Amino acid sequence: MPAPGPARQFGAMTDPSCLFCRIARHELPAQIVHEDDGLVAFRDIVPKAPTHILIIPRQHIASLNDLGPGHRDVLGDMHLLARALARAEGIAEDGWRVVVNCGAAAGQTVWHVHMHLLGGRDLGWPPG
């Protein structure tokens, strides 16, 4: 699958102990469905829906609380990739959801910004 837009790399800043950085570097196995210079997307190992894909930037950013103005493009690219993956997974027409948890109380368990792409079933509201 082609990149959703121009690939942007925000530097090779990674955390050697971060689970998602290690997946992005191919040090740990994952079912990768997309990768480019700026993003990696892979299937969640404990899916909450028939389609459950995690989209991460290659650059290590611990949480949304750590974002700065220079991260605007990577967040936009994550959303564009979510849209492309929803189409590729066949869930775009019926509906899909993206979730980004920030902090432990919100359910963040891996301290690397990531977006959950969920679909393939009815997703109730409110979540949680």
Protein backbone atom coordinates (compact mmCIF):
# COMPACT_ATOMS: atom_id res chain seq x y z
CA MET A 1 0.00 0.00 0.00
CA PRO A 2 1.46 3.38 -0.92
CA ALA A 3 2.01 6.05 1.69
CA PRO A 4 -1.02 8.32 2.21
CA GLY A 5 1.03 11.36 1.38
CA PRO A 6 4.64 12.49 1.30
CA ALA A 7 6.59 10.49 3.84
CA ARG A 8 8.07 12.67 6.54
CA GLN A 9 10.77 11.61 8.90
CA PHE A 10 11.19 13.48 12.16
CA GLY A 11 14.59 12.08 12.94
CA ALA A 12 15.82 8.73 14.11
CA MET A 13 14.91 9.42 17.72
CA THR A 14 13.86 6.10 19.17
CA ASP A 15 13.81 4.60 22.62
CA PRO A 16 15.85 1.38 22.79
CA SER A 17 13.50 -0.10 25.42
CA CYS A 18 10.18 0.99 23.85
CA LEU A 19 8.07 -1.92 22.61
CA PHE A 20 6.72 0.01 19.62
CA CYS A 21 10.14 1.43 18.67
CA ARG A 22 11.45 -2.14 18.69
CA ILE A 23 8.58 -3.26 16.41
CA ALA A 24 9.29 -0.34 14.06
CA ARG A 25 12.95 -1.43 13.92
CA HIS A 26 11.88 -5.05 13.21
CA GLU A 27 13.49 -6.27 16.43
CA LEU A 28 10.20 -7.79 17.58
CA PRO A 29 7.69 -9.70 15.44
CA ALA A 30 4.47 -8.03 14.38
CA GLN A 31 1.97 -8.42 11.58
CA ILE A 32 2.91 -5.21 9.79
CA VAL A 33 0.32 -3.98 7.30
CA HIS A 34 2.06 -0.75 6.28
CA GLU A 35 5.36 1.03 6.75
CA ASP A 36 7.01 4.06 5.24
CA ASP A 37 9.69 6.52 6.35
CA GLY A 38 7.45 8.09 8.99
CA LEU A 39 4.84 5.52 10.07
CA VAL A 40 4.37 1.85 10.84
CA ALA A 41 1.00 0.09 11.13
CA PHE A 42 0.50 -3.40 12.52
CA ARG A 43 -2.29 -5.61 13.83
CA ASP A 44 -2.99 -5.49 17.57
CA ILE A 45 -2.12 -8.78 19.27
CA VAL A 46 -5.25 -8.52 21.46
CA PRO A 47 -7.82 -7.16 19.00
CA LYS A 48 -10.98 -5.47 20.28
CA ALA A 49 -12.67 -5.62 16.86
CA PRO A 50 -12.29 -7.70 13.69
CA THR A 51 -10.06 -4.91 12.35
CA HIS A 52 -7.75 -3.55 15.04
CA ILE A 53 -4.62 -1.93 13.67
CA LEU A 54 -2.13 0.23 15.57
CA ILE A 55 -0.59 3.16 13.71
CA ILE A 56 2.61 4.60 15.17
CA PRO A 57 5.14 7.22 14.19
CA ARG A 58 8.69 5.94 13.84
CA GLN A 59 9.80 8.83 16.02
CA HIS A 60 9.41 8.07 19.71
CA ILE A 61 6.85 10.39 21.30
CA ALA A 62 5.70 9.07 24.66
CA SER A 63 2.16 10.48 24.69
CA LEU A 64 -0.06 13.22 23.33
CA ASN A 65 1.14 15.30 26.28
CA ASP A 66 4.59 15.34 24.66
CA LEU A 67 3.49 16.72 21.29
CA GLY A 68 4.84 19.95 19.92
CA PRO A 69 4.06 22.14 16.90
CA GLY A 70 6.54 20.10 14.82
CA HIS A 71 4.33 17.02 15.15
CA ARG A 72 1.36 18.39 13.17
CA ASP A 73 2.33 16.63 9.97
CA VAL A 74 2.90 13.24 11.58
CA LEU A 75 -0.53 13.37 13.24
CA GLY A 76 -2.14 14.29 9.94
CA ASP A 77 -0.28 11.46 8.21
CA MET A 78 -1.54 9.03 10.88
CA HIS A 79 -5.14 10.03 10.12
CA LEU A 80 -4.64 9.77 6.36
CA LEU A 81 -3.11 6.33 6.81
CA ALA A 82 -6.07 5.29 9.00
CA ARG A 83 -8.42 6.30 6.18
CA ALA A 84 -6.38 4.36 3.60
CA LEU A 85 -6.22 1.27 5.83
CA ALA A 86 -9.98 1.45 6.54
CA ARG A 87 -10.56 1.36 2.79
CA ALA A 88 -8.07 -1.49 2.30
CA GLU A 89 -9.67 -3.49 5.13
CA GLY A 90 -13.15 -3.01 3.65
CA ILE A 91 -14.56 -1.14 6.67
CA ALA A 92 -14.68 2.39 5.25
CA GLU A 93 -18.30 2.23 4.09
CA ASP A 94 -19.80 0.69 7.24
CA GLY A 95 -17.84 2.86 9.65
CA TRP A 96 -14.67 2.82 11.67
CA ARG A 97 -13.14 4.54 14.67
CA VAL A 98 -9.74 5.87 15.67
CA VAL A 99 -8.76 6.07 19.33
CA VAL A 100 -5.71 7.67 20.89
CA ASN A 101 -5.37 7.12 24.63
CA CYS A 102 -3.33 9.62 26.65
CA GLY A 103 -2.18 8.58 30.10
CA ALA A 104 -2.73 5.56 32.29
CA ALA A 105 -6.23 6.59 33.43
CA ALA A 106 -7.29 6.74 29.76
CA GLY A 107 -5.94 3.26 29.07
CA GLN A 108 -2.53 4.03 27.59
CA THR A 109 -0.29 1.05 28.34
CA VAL A 110 2.54 1.57 25.85
CA TRP A 111 4.29 4.93 26.19
CA HIS A 112 4.64 5.65 22.49
CA VAL A 113 1.93 7.68 20.72
CA HIS A 114 -0.29 5.31 18.77
CA MET A 115 -3.65 5.32 17.09
CA HIS A 116 -6.05 2.38 17.23
CA LEU A 117 -7.99 1.82 14.01
CA LEU A 118 -11.10 -0.21 14.88
CA GLY A 119 -13.88 -1.55 12.68
CA GLY A 120 -15.67 -4.56 11.33
CA ARG A 121 -18.39 -4.59 13.98
CA ASP A 122 -20.82 -2.15 15.59
CA LEU A 123 -18.88 0.09 17.96
CA GLY A 124 -21.04 1.29 20.82
CA TRP A 125 -21.09 4.77 22.28
CA PRO A 126 -19.94 5.92 24.70
CA PRO A 127 -16.73 3.88 24.62
CA GLY A 128 -15.01 2.61 27.73
